[in-house]
PDB file of N, CA and C in Angstrom:
ATOM      1  N   MET A   1      92.915 121.779 114.908  1.00  0.00           N
ATOM      2  CA  MET A   1      93.052 120.619 114.035  1.00  0.00           C
ATOM      3  C   MET A   1      91.993 120.684 112.939  1.00  0.00           C
ATOM      4  N   GLU A   2      92.375 120.318 111.722  1.00  0.00           N
ATOM      5  CA  GLU A   2      91.464 120.421 110.598  1.00  0.00           C
ATOM      6  C   GLU A   2      90.554 119.192 110.529  1.00  0.00           C
ATOM      7  N   ASP A   3      89.428 119.388 109.847  1.00  0.00           N
ATOM      8  CA  ASP A   3      88.493 118.287 109.657  1.00  0.00           C
ATOM      9  C   ASP A   3      89.117 117.223 108.764  1.00  0.00           C
ATOM     10  N   ILE A   4      88.728 115.986 109.004  1.00  0.00           N
ATOM     11  CA  ILE A   4      89.169 114.897 108.142  1.00  0.00           C
ATOM     12  C   ILE A   4      88.249 114.880 106.930  1.00  0.00           C
ATOM     13  N   HIS A   5      88.859 114.835 105.753  1.00  0.00           N
ATOM     14  CA  HIS A   5      88.095 114.859 104.509  1.00  0.00           C
ATOM     15  C   HIS A   5      88.075 113.468 103.890  1.00  0.00           C
ATOM     16  N   HIS A   6      86.895 113.015 103.537  1.00  0.00           N
ATOM     17  CA  HIS A   6      86.747 111.750 102.836  1.00  0.00           C
ATOM     18  C   HIS A   6      85.989 112.049 101.554  1.00  0.00           C
ATOM     19  N   HIS A   7      86.684 111.937 100.451  1.00  0.00           N
ATOM     20  CA  HIS A   7      86.073 112.219  99.159  1.00  0.00           C
ATOM     21  C   HIS A   7      86.031 110.962  98.308  1.00  0.00           C
ATOM     22  N   GLU A   8      85.289 111.031  97.245  1.00  0.00           N
ATOM     23  CA  GLU A   8      85.096 109.860  96.400  1.00  0.00           C
ATOM     24  C   GLU A   8      86.382 109.386  95.731  1.00  0.00           C
ATOM     25  N   ASN A   9      87.367 110.253  95.567  1.00  0.00           N
ATOM     26  CA  ASN A   9      88.599 109.880  94.867  1.00  0.00           C
ATOM     27  C   ASN A   9      89.777 109.602  95.796  1.00  0.00           C
ATOM     28  N   THR A  10      89.540 109.475  97.090  1.00  0.00           N
ATOM     29  CA  THR A  10      90.627 109.265  98.040  1.00  0.00           C
ATOM     30  C   THR A  10      91.440 108.024  97.688  1.00  0.00           C
ATOM     31  N   LYS A  11      90.792 106.934  97.377  1.00  0.00           N
ATOM     32  CA  LYS A  11      91.500 105.693  97.054  1.00  0.00           C
ATOM     33  C   LYS A  11      92.342 105.861  95.788  1.00  0.00           C
ATOM     34  N   ALA A  12      91.795 106.533  94.780  1.00  0.00           N
ATOM     35  CA  ALA A  12      92.539 106.757  93.538  1.00  0.00           C
ATOM     36  C   ALA A  12      93.758 107.635  93.792  1.00  0.00           C
ATOM     37  N   VAL A  13      93.610 108.652  94.626  1.00  0.00           N
ATOM     38  CA  VAL A  13      94.731 109.533  94.949  1.00  0.00           C
ATOM     39  C   VAL A  13      95.821 108.750  95.679  1.00  0.00           C
ATOM     40  N   ILE A  14      95.432 107.960  96.655  1.00  0.00           N
ATOM     41  CA  ILE A  14      96.407 107.169  97.411  1.00  0.00           C
ATOM     42  C   ILE A  14      97.125 106.177  96.488  1.00  0.00           C
ATOM     43  N   ASN A  15      96.394 105.536  95.592  1.00  0.00           N
ATOM     44  CA  ASN A  15      97.011 104.592  94.657  1.00  0.00           C
ATOM     45  C   ASN A  15      98.001 105.295  93.731  1.00  0.00           C
ATOM     46  N   ARG A  16      97.626 106.455  93.207  1.00  0.00           N
ATOM     47  CA  ARG A  16      98.519 107.203  92.322  1.00  0.00           C
ATOM     48  C   ARG A  16      99.747 107.695  93.073  1.00  0.00           C
ATOM     49  N   MET A  17      99.547 108.112  94.331  1.00  0.00           N
ATOM     50  CA  MET A  17     100.683 108.559  95.134  1.00  0.00           C
ATOM     51  C   MET A  17     101.651 107.402  95.384  1.00  0.00           C
ATOM     52  N   SER A  18     101.111 106.238  95.662  1.00  0.00           N
ATOM     53  CA  SER A  18     101.962 105.065  95.894  1.00  0.00           C
ATOM     54  C   SER A  18     102.785 104.746  94.657  1.00  0.00           C
ATOM     55  N   ARG A  19     102.169 104.843  93.487  1.00  0.00           N
ATOM     56  CA  ARG A  19     102.913 104.595  92.250  1.00  0.00           C
ATOM     57  C   ARG A  19     103.995 105.653  92.041  1.00  0.00           C
ATOM     58  N   ALA A  20     103.669 106.917  92.306  1.00  0.00           N
ATOM     59  CA  ALA A  20     104.659 107.992  92.143  1.00  0.00           C
ATOM     60  C   ALA A  20     105.820 107.806  93.111  1.00  0.00           C
ATOM     61  N   ILE A  21     105.518 107.404  94.336  1.00  0.00           N
ATOM     62  CA  ILE A  21     106.574 107.155  95.322  1.00  0.00           C
ATOM     63  C   ILE A  21     107.465 106.008  94.851  1.00  0.00           C
ATOM     64  N   GLY A  22     106.872 104.943  94.353  1.00  0.00           N
ATOM     65  CA  GLY A  22     107.645 103.822  93.820  1.00  0.00           C
ATOM     66  C   GLY A  22     108.516 104.258  92.651  1.00  0.00           C
ATOM     67  N   HIS A  23     107.963 105.100  91.802  1.00  0.00           N
ATOM     68  CA  HIS A  23     108.702 105.613  90.660  1.00  0.00           C
ATOM     69  C   HIS A  23     109.892 106.449  91.133  1.00  0.00           C
ATOM     70  N   MET A  24     109.681 107.286  92.147  1.00  0.00           N
ATOM     71  CA  MET A  24     110.769 108.095  92.697  1.00  0.00           C
ATOM     72  C   MET A  24     111.861 107.208  93.297  1.00  0.00           C
ATOM     73  N   GLN A  25     111.473 106.137  93.953  1.00  0.00           N
ATOM     74  CA  GLN A  25     112.465 105.214  94.509  1.00  0.00           C
ATOM     75  C   GLN A  25     113.297 104.580  93.390  1.00  0.00           C
ATOM     76  N   ALA A  26     112.637 104.277  92.272  1.00  0.00           N
ATOM     77  CA  ALA A  26     113.356 103.713  91.127  1.00  0.00           C
ATOM     78  C   ALA A  26     114.323 104.746  90.540  1.00  0.00           C
ATOM     79  N   ILE A  27     113.909 105.999  90.507  1.00  0.00           N
ATOM     80  CA  ILE A  27     114.790 107.060  90.000  1.00  0.00           C
ATOM     81  C   ILE A  27     115.977 107.247  90.941  1.00  0.00           C
ATOM     82  N   LYS A  28     115.733 107.182  92.235  1.00  0.00           N
ATOM     83  CA  LYS A  28     116.828 107.289  93.202  1.00  0.00           C
ATOM     84  C   LYS A  28     117.859 106.195  92.939  1.00  0.00           C
ATOM     85  N   LYS A  29     117.380 104.992  92.666  1.00  0.00           N
ATOM     86  CA  LYS A  29     118.281 103.882  92.374  1.00  0.00           C
ATOM     87  C   LYS A  29     119.062 104.152  91.090  1.00  0.00           C
ATOM     88  N   MET A  30     118.400 104.737  90.091  1.00  0.00           N
ATOM     89  CA  MET A  30     119.084 105.094  88.845  1.00  0.00           C
ATOM     90  C   MET A  30     120.237 106.060  89.132  1.00  0.00           C
ATOM     91  N   VAL A  31     119.977 107.047  89.981  1.00  0.00           N
ATOM     92  CA  VAL A  31     121.012 108.025  90.337  1.00  0.00           C
ATOM     93  C   VAL A  31     122.151 107.337  91.074  1.00  0.00           C
ATOM     94  N   GLU A  32     121.802 106.499  92.035  1.00  0.00           N
ATOM     95  CA  GLU A  32     122.823 105.781  92.816  1.00  0.00           C
ATOM     96  C   GLU A  32     123.701 104.903  91.927  1.00  0.00           C
ATOM     97  N   GLU A  33     123.099 104.348  90.889  1.00  0.00           N
ATOM     98  CA  GLU A  33     123.826 103.465  89.984  1.00  0.00           C
ATOM     99  C   GLU A  33     124.563 104.227  88.887  1.00  0.00           C
ATOM    100  N   GLY A  34     124.407 105.546  88.871  1.00  0.00           N
ATOM    101  CA  GLY A  34     125.100 106.354  87.879  1.00  0.00           C
ATOM    102  C   GLY A  34     124.550 106.214  86.475  1.00  0.00           C
ATOM    103  N   GLN A  35     123.250 105.972  86.360  1.00  0.00           N
ATOM    104  CA  GLN A  35     122.655 105.816  85.036  1.00  0.00           C
ATOM    105  C   GLN A  35     122.616 107.157  84.298  1.00  0.00           C
ATOM    106  N   ASP A  36     122.322 107.081  83.020  1.00  0.00           N
ATOM    107  CA  ASP A  36     122.327 108.228  82.122  1.00  0.00           C
ATOM    108  C   ASP A  36     121.429 109.362  82.623  1.00  0.00           C
ATOM    109  N   CYS A  37     121.988 110.573  82.651  1.00  0.00           N
ATOM    110  CA  CYS A  37     121.253 111.747  83.145  1.00  0.00           C
ATOM    111  C   CYS A  37     120.001 112.034  82.324  1.00  0.00           C
ATOM    112  N   SER A  38     120.073 111.831  81.015  1.00  0.00           N
ATOM    113  CA  SER A  38     118.905 112.067  80.168  1.00  0.00           C
ATOM    114  C   SER A  38     117.757 111.141  80.554  1.00  0.00           C
ATOM    115  N   ALA A  39     118.081 109.892  80.806  1.00  0.00           N
ATOM    116  CA  ALA A  39     117.056 108.923  81.210  1.00  0.00           C
ATOM    117  C   ALA A  39     116.452 109.322  82.559  1.00  0.00           C
ATOM    118  N   ILE A  40     117.295 109.797  83.462  1.00  0.00           N
ATOM    119  CA  ILE A  40     116.809 110.235  84.779  1.00  0.00           C
ATOM    120  C   ILE A  40     115.883 111.427  84.627  1.00  0.00           C
ATOM    121  N   LEU A  41     116.252 112.390  83.789  1.00  0.00           N
ATOM    122  CA  LEU A  41     115.412 113.565  83.568  1.00  0.00           C
ATOM    123  C   LEU A  41     114.051 113.182  82.984  1.00  0.00           C
ATOM    124  N   ILE A  42     114.051 112.239  82.084  1.00  0.00           N
ATOM    125  CA  ILE A  42     112.789 111.778  81.488  1.00  0.00           C
ATOM    126  C   ILE A  42     111.904 111.143  82.556  1.00  0.00           C
ATOM    127  N   GLN A  43     112.510 110.345  83.422  1.00  0.00           N
ATOM    128  CA  GLN A  43     111.735 109.707  84.494  1.00  0.00           C
ATOM    129  C   GLN A  43     111.221 110.743  85.495  1.00  0.00           C
ATOM    130  N   LEU A  44     112.040 111.750  85.796  1.00  0.00           N
ATOM    131  CA  LEU A  44     111.584 112.826  86.691  1.00  0.00           C
ATOM    132  C   LEU A  44     110.406 113.574  86.083  1.00  0.00           C
ATOM    133  N   SER A  45     110.447 113.767  84.772  1.00  0.00           N
ATOM    134  CA  SER A  45     109.335 114.416  84.084  1.00  0.00           C
ATOM    135  C   SER A  45     108.055 113.598  84.212  1.00  0.00           C
ATOM    136  N   ALA A  46     108.185 112.283  84.139  1.00  0.00           N
ATOM    137  CA  ALA A  46     107.020 111.408  84.290  1.00  0.00           C
ATOM    138  C   ALA A  46     106.436 111.516  85.689  1.00  0.00           C
ATOM    139  N   VAL A  47     107.301 111.604  86.696  1.00  0.00           N
ATOM    140  CA  VAL A  47     106.823 111.736  88.075  1.00  0.00           C
ATOM    141  C   VAL A  47     106.145 113.095  88.264  1.00  0.00           C
ATOM    142  N   ARG A  48     106.731 114.151  87.709  1.00  0.00           N
ATOM    143  CA  ARG A  48     106.116 115.483  87.815  1.00  0.00           C
ATOM    144  C   ARG A  48     104.717 115.466  87.191  1.00  0.00           C
ATOM    145  N   SER A  49     104.587 114.813  86.053  1.00  0.00           N
ATOM    146  CA  SER A  49     103.285 114.702  85.398  1.00  0.00           C
ATOM    147  C   SER A  49     102.291 113.942  86.278  1.00  0.00           C
ATOM    148  N   ALA A  50     102.761 112.868  86.904  1.00  0.00           N
ATOM    149  CA  ALA A  50     101.893 112.087  87.798  1.00  0.00           C
ATOM    150  C   ALA A  50     101.452 112.927  88.986  1.00  0.00           C
ATOM    151  N   ILE A  51     102.359 113.698  89.555  1.00  0.00           N
ATOM    152  CA  ILE A  51     102.020 114.553  90.696  1.00  0.00           C
ATOM    153  C   ILE A  51     101.017 115.629  90.280  1.00  0.00           C
ATOM    154  N   ASN A  52     101.223 116.210  89.106  1.00  0.00           N
ATOM    155  CA  ASN A  52     100.260 117.205  88.622  1.00  0.00           C
ATOM    156  C   ASN A  52      98.880 116.589  88.430  1.00  0.00           C
ATOM    157  N   SER A  53      98.846 115.353  87.955  1.00  0.00           N
ATOM    158  CA  SER A  53      97.576 114.650  87.785  1.00  0.00           C
ATOM    159  C   SER A  53      96.896 114.426  89.134  1.00  0.00           C
ATOM    160  N   ILE A  54      97.672 114.049  90.129  1.00  0.00           N
ATOM    161  CA  ILE A  54      97.131 113.876  91.485  1.00  0.00           C
ATOM    162  C   ILE A  54      96.578 115.202  91.983  1.00  0.00           C
ATOM    163  N   GLY A  55      97.313 116.274  91.751  1.00  0.00           N
ATOM    164  CA  GLY A  55      96.855 117.601  92.163  1.00  0.00           C
ATOM    165  C   GLY A  55      95.531 117.978  91.527  1.00  0.00           C
ATOM    166  N   ARG A  56      95.368 117.659  90.247  1.00  0.00           N
ATOM    167  CA  ARG A  56      94.098 117.958  89.566  1.00  0.00           C
ATOM    168  C   ARG A  56      92.943 117.189  90.192  1.00  0.00           C
ATOM    169  N   ILE A  57      93.176 115.923  90.535  1.00  0.00           N
ATOM    170  CA  ILE A  57      92.127 115.117  91.163  1.00  0.00           C
ATOM    171  C   ILE A  57      91.750 115.704  92.522  1.00  0.00           C
ATOM    172  N   VAL A  58      92.755 116.053  93.329  1.00  0.00           N
ATOM    173  CA  VAL A  58      92.497 116.625  94.654  1.00  0.00           C
ATOM    174  C   VAL A  58      91.762 117.953  94.506  1.00  0.00           C
ATOM    175  N   LEU A  59      92.192 118.788  93.566  1.00  0.00           N
ATOM    176  CA  LEU A  59      91.537 120.076  93.345  1.00  0.00           C
ATOM    177  C   LEU A  59      90.079 119.892  92.936  1.00  0.00           C
ATOM    178  N   GLN A  60      89.843 118.980  92.006  1.00  0.00           N
ATOM    179  CA  GLN A  60      88.462 118.746  91.560  1.00  0.00           C
ATOM    180  C   GLN A  60      87.593 118.246  92.714  1.00  0.00           C
ATOM    181  N   ASP A  61      88.122 117.320  93.508  1.00  0.00           N
ATOM    182  CA  ASP A  61      87.397 116.830  94.679  1.00  0.00           C
ATOM    183  C   ASP A  61      87.092 117.982  95.642  1.00  0.00           C
ATOM    184  N   HIS A  62      88.085 118.828  95.855  1.00  0.00           N
ATOM    185  CA  HIS A  62      87.911 119.958  96.775  1.00  0.00           C
ATOM    186  C   HIS A  62      86.824 120.903  96.272  1.00  0.00           C
ATOM    187  N   ILE A  63      86.854 121.203  94.984  1.00  0.00           N
ATOM    188  CA  ILE A  63      85.844 122.085  94.407  1.00  0.00           C
ATOM    189  C   ILE A  63      84.462 121.444  94.513  1.00  0.00           C
ATOM    190  N   ASP A  64      84.376 120.172  94.136  1.00  0.00           N
ATOM    191  CA  ASP A  64      83.082 119.481  94.113  1.00  0.00           C
ATOM    192  C   ASP A  64      82.449 119.351  95.493  1.00  0.00           C
ATOM    193  N   HIS A  65      83.257 119.312  96.529  1.00  0.00           N
ATOM    194  CA  HIS A  65      82.717 119.079  97.866  1.00  0.00           C
ATOM    195  C   HIS A  65      82.896 120.288  98.780  1.00  0.00           C
ATOM    196  N   CYS A  66      84.124 120.567  99.158  1.00  0.00           N
ATOM    197  CA  CYS A  66      84.399 121.614 100.149  1.00  0.00           C
ATOM    198  C   CYS A  66      83.987 122.997  99.663  1.00  0.00           C
ATOM    199  N   VAL A  67      84.345 123.322  98.434  1.00  0.00           N
ATOM    200  CA  VAL A  67      84.061 124.666  97.928  1.00  0.00           C
ATOM    201  C   VAL A  67      82.563 124.845  97.714  1.00  0.00           C
ATOM    202  N   VAL A  68      81.915 123.843  97.169  1.00  0.00           N
ATOM    203  CA  VAL A  68      80.463 123.936  96.977  1.00  0.00           C
ATOM    204  C   VAL A  68      79.770 124.151  98.320  1.00  0.00           C
ATOM    205  N   ASP A  69      80.162 123.382  99.327  1.00  0.00           N
ATOM    206  CA  ASP A  69      79.579 123.540 100.662  1.00  0.00           C
ATOM    207  C   ASP A  69      79.893 124.916 101.237  1.00  0.00           C
ATOM    208  N   ALA A  70      81.110 125.399 101.015  1.00  0.00           N
ATOM    209  CA  ALA A  70      81.514 126.709 101.539  1.00  0.00           C
ATOM    210  C   ALA A  70      80.716 127.830 100.894  1.00  0.00           C
ATOM    211  N   VAL A  71      80.482 127.736  99.604  1.00  0.00           N
ATOM    212  CA  VAL A  71      79.706 128.766  98.909  1.00  0.00           C
ATOM    213  C   VAL A  71      78.272 128.768  99.440  1.00  0.00           C
ATOM    214  N   LYS A  72      77.715 127.592  99.633  1.00  0.00           N
ATOM    215  CA  LYS A  72      76.347 127.496 100.161  1.00  0.00           C
ATOM    216  C   LYS A  72      76.240 128.115 101.548  1.00  0.00           C
ATOM    217  N   SER A  73      77.289 127.938 102.365  1.00  0.00           N
ATOM    218  CA  SER A  73      77.238 128.442 103.740  1.00  0.00           C
ATOM    219  C   SER A  73      77.865 129.832 103.890  1.00  0.00           C
ATOM    220  N   GLY A  74      78.416 130.366 102.795  1.00  0.00           N
ATOM    221  CA  GLY A  74      79.017 131.694 102.850  1.00  0.00           C
ATOM    222  C   GLY A  74      80.370 131.724 103.548  1.00  0.00           C
ATOM    223  N   ASP A  75      81.091 130.602 103.532  1.00  0.00           N
ATOM    224  CA  ASP A  75      82.390 130.500 104.204  1.00  0.00           C
ATOM    225  C   ASP A  75      83.494 131.014 103.285  1.00  0.00           C
ATOM    226  N   GLN A  76      83.853 132.274 103.434  1.00  0.00           N
ATOM    227  CA  GLN A  76      84.869 132.904 102.592  1.00  0.00           C
ATOM    228  C   GLN A  76      86.260 132.318 102.844  1.00  0.00           C
ATOM    229  N   LYS A  77      86.518 131.835 104.055  1.00  0.00           N
ATOM    230  CA  LYS A  77      87.842 131.310 104.401  1.00  0.00           C
ATOM    231  C   LYS A  77      88.229 130.135 103.503  1.00  0.00           C
ATOM    232  N   VAL A  78      87.286 129.270 103.189  1.00  0.00           N
ATOM    233  CA  VAL A  78      87.574 128.132 102.324  1.00  0.00           C
ATOM    234  C   VAL A  78      88.011 128.622 100.943  1.00  0.00           C
ATOM    235  N   LEU A  79      87.353 129.642 100.435  1.00  0.00           N
ATOM    236  CA  LEU A  79      87.720 130.185  99.133  1.00  0.00           C
ATOM    237  C   LEU A  79      89.084 130.862  99.182  1.00  0.00           C
ATOM    238  N   ASP A  80      89.353 131.599 100.256  1.00  0.00           N
ATOM    239  CA  ASP A  80      90.668 132.233 100.419  1.00  0.00           C
ATOM    240  C   ASP A  80      91.765 131.173 100.509  1.00  0.00           C
ATOM    241  N   ASP A  81      91.500 130.105 101.268  1.00  0.00           N
ATOM    242  CA  ASP A  81      92.467 129.014 101.403  1.00  0.00           C
ATOM    243  C   ASP A  81      92.711 128.328 100.052  1.00  0.00           C
ATOM    244  N   LEU A  82      91.657 128.172  99.262  1.00  0.00           N
ATOM    245  CA  LEU A  82      91.786 127.557  97.946  1.00  0.00           C
ATOM    246  C   LEU A  82      92.669 128.416  97.046  1.00  0.00           C
ATOM    247  N   ASN A  83      92.425 129.713  97.031  1.00  0.00           N
ATOM    248  CA  ASN A  83      93.248 130.607  96.216  1.00  0.00           C
ATOM    249  C   ASN A  83      94.709 130.518  96.617  1.00  0.00           C
ATOM    250  N   ASP A  84      94.980 130.486  97.919  1.00  0.00           N
ATOM    251  CA  ASP A  84      96.336 130.379  98.408  1.00  0.00           C
ATOM    252  C   ASP A  84      96.967 129.034  97.995  1.00  0.00           C
ATOM    253  N   ALA A  85      96.208 127.966  98.145  1.00  0.00           N
ATOM    254  CA  ALA A  85      96.724 126.630  97.795  1.00  0.00           C
ATOM    255  C   ALA A  85      97.020 126.519  96.294  1.00  0.00           C
ATOM    256  N   ILE A  86      96.146 127.075  95.460  1.00  0.00           N
ATOM    257  CA  ILE A  86      96.377 127.036  94.003  1.00  0.00           C
ATOM    258  C   ILE A  86      97.642 127.810  93.657  1.00  0.00           C
ATOM    259  N   ALA A  87      97.808 128.978  94.252  1.00  0.00           N
ATOM    260  CA  ALA A  87      99.009 129.787  93.978  1.00  0.00           C
ATOM    261  C   ALA A  87     100.279 129.022  94.344  1.00  0.00           C
ATOM    262  N   LYS A  88     100.253 128.339  95.479  1.00  0.00           N
ATOM    263  CA  LYS A  88     101.425 127.569  95.902  1.00  0.00           C
ATOM    264  C   LYS A  88     101.642 126.344  95.020  1.00  0.00           C
ATOM    265  N   PHE A  89     100.558 125.676  94.612  1.00  0.00           N
ATOM    266  CA  PHE A  89     100.666 124.484  93.780  1.00  0.00           C
ATOM    267  C   PHE A  89     101.237 124.829  92.404  1.00  0.00           C
ATOM    268  N   LEU A  90     100.889 125.997  91.886  1.00  0.00           N
ATOM    269  CA  LEU A  90     101.324 126.385  90.550  1.00  0.00           C
ATOM    270  C   LEU A  90     102.700 127.028  90.507  1.00  0.00           C
ATOM    271  N   LYS A  91     103.332 127.234  91.659  1.00  0.00           N
ATOM    272  CA  LYS A  91     104.675 127.826  91.689  1.00  0.00           C
ATOM    273  C   LYS A  91     105.685 126.983  90.978  1.00  0.00           C
TER     274      LYS A  91
END
């Protein structure tokens, strides 16, 4: 089991995720109601942007805390895991 991480931006990340989830629910309703595809695509783009913003916050928090600590202690696994996570996030 992995360690529980508590970073300074946890509340901001959770708040942004809640907004993105609400936005996705609104888009689902748009689809169910048969609204204009262009409008749906624009809203999906907004959600993608919000998710990317959340990812940047999580990445910065990870670098500022976990990676800094890992470099100090010589923990290569954290750096390898970060490289893997970035590659997957950017796919």
